[in-house]
Amino acid sequence: MSEILRTVPLPLVELAVVAGLVAALVVVVLVRRGTLGRAGAARVLLAAALLVIASVTLLRPAGRVGAAGWINLVPLRSISALWTDPHVLPGPRWQIYGNALMLVPVGFLGALAARRVSWTAGLAWATGTAVVIETLQLVFALGSVDIDDVILAALGGAVGATLAVAARRMSRAWGISARGKHPAAVRAATGP
């Protein structure tokens, strides 16, 4: 996932981002009408996020694995090389942050898409997404295959899932229902 943006055909990325924005607008409309709940909205947005991630990581010309990158199955090898090599400029280190940040939305939305908000569901969605991406990159020779990308994706997914669980707990503590109204206001509007 490291050299992704340089090789992705830009119109495909733009199309995926537009599709994600359209999905977000559809979710807003359906939630406001009351026809889509939290989990359903999260599932639609999760699908949109996965579409964007797939377009950025997988939609590019195929080539041989040896020519496109490398295969690293030793955990933390790439990460430590980027941090300890004095000849590596700070720019390439951003791929560490990018690989983790790319799957924060998947962890967040995966946690919210579960029947009950679940940290493990968010982590599983993010880690599973990274494993599928790395496997497809290996099978179709789409770039570098690196176990560190899966580790970073799991870290990003854990952050996203933690944010989802925290948001759910705060909404309960503040008394905000799924419709965005305080329970007392709902009772006053609907009667006892």
C-alpha atoms as a PDB file:
ATOM      1  CA  MET A   1       0.000   0.000   0.000  1.00  0.00           C
ATOM      2  CA  SER A   2       3.032   2.285   0.193  1.00  0.00           C
ATOM      3  CA  GLU A   3       3.434   3.636  -3.346  1.00  0.00           C
ATOM      4  CA  ILE A   4      -0.277   3.693  -3.995  1.00  0.00           C
ATOM      5  CA  LEU A   5      -1.193   7.205  -5.059  1.00  0.00           C
ATOM      6  CA  ARG A   6       1.560   7.538  -7.642  1.00  0.00           C
ATOM      7  CA  THR A   7       0.255   4.654  -9.729  1.00  0.00           C
ATOM      8  CA  VAL A   8      -3.543   4.859  -9.409  1.00  0.00           C
ATOM      9  CA  PRO A   9      -5.318   6.317 -12.435  1.00  0.00           C
ATOM     10  CA  LEU A  10      -6.702   9.577 -11.054  1.00  0.00           C
ATOM     11  CA  PRO A  11     -10.160   9.356 -12.703  1.00  0.00           C
ATOM     12  CA  LEU A  12     -10.810   6.070 -10.875  1.00  0.00           C
ATOM     13  CA  VAL A  13      -9.935   7.598  -7.523  1.00  0.00           C
ATOM     14  CA  GLU A  14     -12.089  10.626  -8.282  1.00  0.00           C
ATOM     15  CA  LEU A  15     -14.972   8.350  -9.253  1.00  0.00           C
ATOM     16  CA  ALA A  16     -14.639   6.362  -6.030  1.00  0.00           C
ATOM     17  CA  VAL A  17     -14.523   9.530  -3.920  1.00  0.00           C
ATOM     18  CA  VAL A  18     -17.602  10.914  -5.681  1.00  0.00           C
ATOM     19  CA  ALA A  19     -19.402   7.587  -5.125  1.00  0.00           C
ATOM     20  CA  GLY A  20     -18.469   7.789  -1.440  1.00  0.00           C
ATOM     21  CA  LEU A  21     -19.822  11.330  -1.181  1.00  0.00           C
ATOM     22  CA  VAL A  22     -23.053  10.327  -2.928  1.00  0.00           C
ATOM     23  CA  ALA A  23     -23.430   7.416  -0.496  1.00  0.00           C
ATOM     24  CA  ALA A  24     -22.915   9.824   2.412  1.00  0.00           C
ATOM     25  CA  LEU A  25     -25.615  12.155   1.077  1.00  0.00           C
ATOM     26  CA  VAL A  26     -28.030   9.249   0.582  1.00  0.00           C
ATOM     27  CA  VAL A  27     -27.371   8.129   4.157  1.00  0.00           C
ATOM     28  CA  VAL A  28     -28.065  11.628   5.483  1.00  0.00           C
ATOM     29  CA  VAL A  29     -31.388  11.780   3.628  1.00  0.00           C
ATOM     30  CA  LEU A  30     -32.455   8.285   4.744  1.00  0.00           C
ATOM     31  CA  VAL A  31     -31.467   8.876   8.365  1.00  0.00           C
ATOM     32  CA  ARG A  32     -33.345  12.196   8.467  1.00  0.00           C
ATOM     33  CA  ARG A  33     -36.450  10.476   7.061  1.00  0.00           C
ATOM     34  CA  GLY A  34     -36.141   7.828   9.749  1.00  0.00           C
ATOM     35  CA  THR A  35     -35.842   4.936   7.291  1.00  0.00           C
ATOM     36  CA  LEU A  36     -32.249   4.052   8.160  1.00  0.00           C
ATOM     37  CA  GLY A  37     -30.862   3.424  11.635  1.00  0.00           C
ATOM     38  CA  ARG A  38     -27.345   3.676  13.028  1.00  0.00           C
ATOM     39  CA  ALA A  39     -26.183   0.240  11.946  1.00  0.00           C
ATOM     40  CA  GLY A  40     -27.687   0.553   8.470  1.00  0.00           C
ATOM     41  CA  ALA A  41     -26.147   3.970   7.935  1.00  0.00           C
ATOM     42  CA  ALA A  42     -22.780   2.674   9.131  1.00  0.00           C
ATOM     43  CA  ARG A  43     -23.010  -0.280   6.726  1.00  0.00           C
ATOM     44  CA  VAL A  44     -23.693   1.963   3.722  1.00  0.00           C
ATOM     45  CA  LEU A  45     -20.846   4.298   4.662  1.00  0.00           C
ATOM     46  CA  LEU A  46     -18.569   1.307   5.341  1.00  0.00           C
ATOM     47  CA  ALA A  47     -19.242   0.022   1.832  1.00  0.00           C
ATOM     48  CA  ALA A  48     -18.417   3.470   0.433  1.00  0.00           C
ATOM     49  CA  ALA A  49     -15.179   3.634   2.451  1.00  0.00           C
ATOM     50  CA  LEU A  50     -14.185   0.165   1.228  1.00  0.00           C
ATOM     51  CA  LEU A  51     -14.850   1.261  -2.358  1.00  0.00           C
ATOM     52  CA  VAL A  52     -12.533   4.245  -1.975  1.00  0.00           C
ATOM     53  CA  ILE A  53      -9.812   2.148  -0.312  1.00  0.00           C
ATOM     54  CA  ALA A  54     -10.071  -0.545  -2.988  1.00  0.00           C
ATOM     55  CA  SER A  55      -9.801   2.036  -5.760  1.00  0.00           C
ATOM     56  CA  VAL A  56      -6.703   3.581  -4.211  1.00  0.00           C
ATOM     57  CA  THR A  57      -4.936   0.313  -3.435  1.00  0.00           C
ATOM     58  CA  LEU A  58      -5.985  -2.090  -6.172  1.00  0.00           C
ATOM     59  CA  LEU A  59      -6.948  -0.233  -9.363  1.00  0.00           C
ATOM     60  CA  ARG A  60      -3.672   0.165 -11.162  1.00  0.00           C
ATOM     61  CA  PRO A  61      -1.746  -1.584 -13.895  1.00  0.00           C
ATOM     62  CA  ALA A  62      -0.592  -5.101 -13.074  1.00  0.00           C
ATOM     63  CA  GLY A  63       3.037  -6.107 -13.168  1.00  0.00           C
ATOM     64  CA  ARG A  64       5.376  -8.669 -11.709  1.00  0.00           C
ATOM     65  CA  VAL A  65       5.701  -8.638  -7.925  1.00  0.00           C
ATOM     66  CA  GLY A  66       9.471  -8.365  -8.180  1.00  0.00           C
ATOM     67  CA  ALA A  67       9.178  -5.343 -10.447  1.00  0.00           C
ATOM     68  CA  ALA A  68       6.348  -3.675  -8.552  1.00  0.00           C
ATOM     69  CA  GLY A  69       7.722  -4.119  -5.059  1.00  0.00           C
ATOM     70  CA  TRP A  70       8.706  -6.711  -2.553  1.00  0.00           C
ATOM     71  CA  ILE A  71       7.235  -9.312  -0.242  1.00  0.00           C
ATOM     72  CA  ASN A  72       7.873  -8.779   3.450  1.00  0.00           C
ATOM     73  CA  LEU A  73       6.507 -11.348   5.881  1.00  0.00           C
ATOM     74  CA  VAL A  74       8.719 -10.317   8.808  1.00  0.00           C
ATOM     75  CA  PRO A  75       6.685  -8.192  11.226  1.00  0.00           C
ATOM     76  CA  LEU A  76       8.005  -4.656  11.856  1.00  0.00           C
ATOM     77  CA  ARG A  77      10.858  -4.927   9.314  1.00  0.00           C
ATOM     78  CA  SER A  78       9.582  -2.128   7.054  1.00  0.00           C
ATOM     79  CA  ILE A  79       8.495   0.076   9.920  1.00  0.00           C
ATOM     80  CA  SER A  80      11.832  -0.175  11.717  1.00  0.00           C
ATOM     81  CA  ALA A  81      13.723   0.391   8.458  1.00  0.00           C
ATOM     82  CA  LEU A  82      11.813   3.601   7.826  1.00  0.00           C
ATOM     83  CA  TRP A  83      12.444   4.864  11.358  1.00  0.00           C
ATOM     84  CA  THR A  84      16.087   3.865  11.767  1.00  0.00           C
ATOM     85  CA  ASP A  85      17.611   4.433   8.318  1.00  0.00           C
ATOM     86  CA  PRO A  86      19.366   7.835   8.415  1.00  0.00           C
ATOM     87  CA  HIS A  87      19.170   8.079   4.607  1.00  0.00           C
ATOM     88  CA  VAL A  88      15.370   7.913   4.510  1.00  0.00           C
ATOM     89  CA  LEU A  89      13.842  11.353   4.248  1.00  0.00           C
ATOM     90  CA  PRO A  90      10.895  12.213   6.521  1.00  0.00           C
ATOM     91  CA  GLY A  91       8.503  12.048   3.540  1.00  0.00           C
ATOM     92  CA  PRO A  92       8.482   8.245   3.164  1.00  0.00           C
ATOM     93  CA  ARG A  93       7.761   7.941   6.868  1.00  0.00           C
ATOM     94  CA  TRP A  94       4.335   9.389   6.108  1.00  0.00           C
ATOM     95  CA  GLN A  95       3.443   6.060   4.501  1.00  0.00           C
ATOM     96  CA  ILE A  96       3.404   4.627   8.022  1.00  0.00           C
ATOM     97  CA  TYR A  97       0.825   7.204   9.078  1.00  0.00           C
ATOM     98  CA  GLY A  98      -1.065   6.827   5.806  1.00  0.00           C
ATOM     99  CA  ASN A  99      -1.365   3.060   6.097  1.00  0.00           C
ATOM    100  CA  ALA A 100      -2.742   3.412   9.621  1.00  0.00           C
ATOM    101  CA  LEU A 101      -4.992   6.412   8.930  1.00  0.00           C
ATOM    102  CA  MET A 102      -6.475   4.892   5.774  1.00  0.00           C
ATOM    103  CA  LEU A 103      -8.299   2.249   7.821  1.00  0.00           C
ATOM    104  CA  VAL A 104      -9.445   4.410  10.755  1.00  0.00           C
ATOM    105  CA  PRO A 105     -12.827   4.988   9.031  1.00  0.00           C
ATOM    106  CA  VAL A 106     -13.196   1.239   8.447  1.00  0.00           C
ATOM    107  CA  GLY A 107     -12.594   0.540  12.141  1.00  0.00           C
ATOM    108  CA  PHE A 108     -15.003   3.315  13.150  1.00  0.00           C
ATOM    109  CA  LEU A 109     -17.779   2.304  10.739  1.00  0.00           C
ATOM    110  CA  GLY A 110     -17.198  -1.425  11.271  1.00  0.00           C
ATOM    111  CA  ALA A 111     -17.758  -0.933  15.001  1.00  0.00           C
ATOM    112  CA  LEU A 112     -20.954   1.055  14.378  1.00  0.00           C
ATOM    113  CA  ALA A 113     -22.230  -1.412  11.761  1.00  0.00           C
ATOM    114  CA  ALA A 114     -22.432  -4.204  14.317  1.00  0.00           C
ATOM    115  CA  ARG A 115     -25.762  -4.938  15.984  1.00  0.00           C
ATOM    116  CA  ARG A 116     -24.278  -3.536  19.176  1.00  0.00           C
ATOM    117  CA  VAL A 117     -21.353  -1.118  18.876  1.00  0.00           C
ATOM    118  CA  SER A 118     -18.358  -3.428  19.074  1.00  0.00           C
ATOM    119  CA  TRP A 119     -14.659  -2.627  19.298  1.00  0.00           C
ATOM    120  CA  THR A 120     -13.737  -6.113  18.097  1.00  0.00           C
ATOM    121  CA  ALA A 121     -15.995  -5.781  15.043  1.00  0.00           C
ATOM    122  CA  GLY A 122     -14.218  -2.561  14.048  1.00  0.00           C
ATOM    123  CA  LEU A 123     -10.812  -4.150  14.522  1.00  0.00           C
ATOM    124  CA  ALA A 124     -11.889  -7.221  12.555  1.00  0.00           C
ATOM    125  CA  TRP A 125     -13.195  -5.127   9.632  1.00  0.00           C
ATOM    126  CA  ALA A 126      -9.975  -3.100   9.377  1.00  0.00           C
ATOM    127  CA  THR A 127      -7.644  -6.064   9.763  1.00  0.00           C
ATOM    128  CA  GLY A 128      -9.687  -8.181   7.367  1.00  0.00           C
ATOM    129  CA  THR A 129      -9.677  -5.385   4.795  1.00  0.00           C
ATOM    130  CA  ALA A 130      -5.886  -5.101   5.009  1.00  0.00           C
ATOM    131  CA  VAL A 131      -5.426  -8.874   4.693  1.00  0.00           C
ATOM    132  CA  VAL A 132      -7.672  -8.971   1.617  1.00  0.00           C
ATOM    133  CA  ILE A 133      -5.834  -6.022   0.024  1.00  0.00           C
ATOM    134  CA  GLU A 134      -2.407  -7.553   0.655  1.00  0.00           C
ATOM    135  CA  THR A 135      -3.577 -10.936  -0.644  1.00  0.00           C
ATOM    136  CA  LEU A 136      -4.984  -9.380  -3.817  1.00  0.00           C
ATOM    137  CA  GLN A 137      -1.779  -7.397  -4.291  1.00  0.00           C
ATOM    138  CA  LEU A 138       0.171 -10.655  -4.060  1.00  0.00           C
ATOM    139  CA  VAL A 139      -2.109 -12.686  -6.338  1.00  0.00           C
ATOM    140  CA  PHE A 140      -2.408 -10.024  -9.035  1.00  0.00           C
ATOM    141  CA  ALA A 141       1.119  -8.559  -8.641  1.00  0.00           C
ATOM    142  CA  LEU A 142      -0.258  -5.117  -7.830  1.00  0.00           C
ATOM    143  CA  GLY A 143       2.527  -3.844  -5.621  1.00  0.00           C
ATOM    144  CA  SER A 144       4.442  -4.541  -2.479  1.00  0.00           C
ATOM    145  CA  VAL A 145       3.089  -7.119  -0.067  1.00  0.00           C
ATOM    146  CA  ASP A 146       4.002  -6.205   3.479  1.00  0.00           C
ATOM    147  CA  ILE A 147       2.821  -7.666   6.777  1.00  0.00           C
ATOM    148  CA  ASP A 148       3.583  -4.276   8.318  1.00  0.00           C
ATOM    149  CA  ASP A 149       0.728  -2.811   6.258  1.00  0.00           C
ATOM    150  CA  VAL A 150      -1.622  -5.251   7.997  1.00  0.00           C
ATOM    151  CA  ILE A 151      -0.186  -4.316  11.402  1.00  0.00           C
ATOM    152  CA  LEU A 152      -0.605  -0.605  10.668  1.00  0.00           C
ATOM    153  CA  ALA A 153      -4.124  -1.173   9.347  1.00  0.00           C
ATOM    154  CA  ALA A 154      -5.027  -3.066  12.527  1.00  0.00           C
ATOM    155  CA  LEU A 155      -3.645  -0.161  14.550  1.00  0.00           C
ATOM    156  CA  GLY A 156      -5.727   2.303  12.527  1.00  0.00           C
ATOM    157  CA  GLY A 157      -8.780   0.067  12.863  1.00  0.00           C
ATOM    158  CA  ALA A 158      -8.275  -0.099  16.629  1.00  0.00           C
ATOM    159  CA  VAL A 159      -8.158   3.703  16.784  1.00  0.00           C
ATOM    160  CA  GLY A 160     -11.337   3.966  14.699  1.00  0.00           C
ATOM    161  CA  ALA A 161     -13.146   1.334  16.768  1.00  0.00           C
ATOM    162  CA  THR A 162     -12.071   3.058  19.985  1.00  0.00           C
ATOM    163  CA  LEU A 163     -13.463   6.348  18.686  1.00  0.00           C
ATOM    164  CA  ALA A 164     -16.771   4.633  17.788  1.00  0.00           C
ATOM    165  CA  VAL A 165     -17.114   3.051  21.223  1.00  0.00           C
ATOM    166  CA  ALA A 166     -16.234   6.358  22.894  1.00  0.00           C
ATOM    167  CA  ALA A 167     -18.760   8.246  20.732  1.00  0.00           C
ATOM    168  CA  ARG A 168     -21.466   5.721  21.598  1.00  0.00           C
ATOM    169  CA  ARG A 169     -20.706   5.967  25.315  1.00  0.00           C
ATOM    170  CA  MET A 170     -20.701   9.768  25.191  1.00  0.00           C
ATOM    171  CA  SER A 171     -24.028   9.826  23.346  1.00  0.00           C
ATOM    172  CA  ARG A 172     -25.536   7.583  26.023  1.00  0.00           C
ATOM    173  CA  ALA A 173     -24.016   9.668  28.829  1.00  0.00           C
ATOM    174  CA  TRP A 174     -25.392  12.854  27.296  1.00  0.00           C
ATOM    175  CA  GLY A 175     -28.768  11.232  26.711  1.00  0.00           C
ATOM    176  CA  ILE A 176     -28.767  11.506  22.932  1.00  0.00           C
ATOM    177  CA  SER A 177     -30.955   8.933  21.194  1.00  0.00           C
ATOM    178  CA  ALA A 178     -30.407   7.489  17.713  1.00  0.00           C
ATOM    179  CA  ARG A 179     -32.612  10.226  16.249  1.00  0.00           C
ATOM    180  CA  GLY A 180     -30.421  12.919  17.792  1.00  0.00           C
ATOM    181  CA  LYS A 181     -33.024  14.035  20.342  1.00  0.00           C
ATOM    182  CA  HIS A 182     -32.822  13.975  24.076  1.00  0.00           C
ATOM    183  CA  PRO A 183     -35.051  11.189  25.522  1.00  0.00           C
ATOM    184  CA  ALA A 184     -37.038  13.721  27.602  1.00  0.00           C
ATOM    185  CA  ALA A 185     -37.791  15.718  24.457  1.00  0.00           C
ATOM    186  CA  VAL A 186     -38.932  12.531  22.723  1.00  0.00           C
ATOM    187  CA  ARG A 187     -41.257  11.667  25.643  1.00  0.00           C
ATOM    188  CA  ALA A 188     -42.659  15.204  25.720  1.00  0.00           C
ATOM    189  CA  ALA A 189     -43.361  15.112  21.985  1.00  0.00           C
ATOM    190  CA  THR A 190     -44.928  11.639  21.937  1.00  0.00           C
ATOM    191  CA  GLY A 191     -46.668  11.622  25.309  1.00  0.00           C
ATOM    192  CA  PRO A 192     -46.172   9.302  28.316  1.00  0.00           C
END
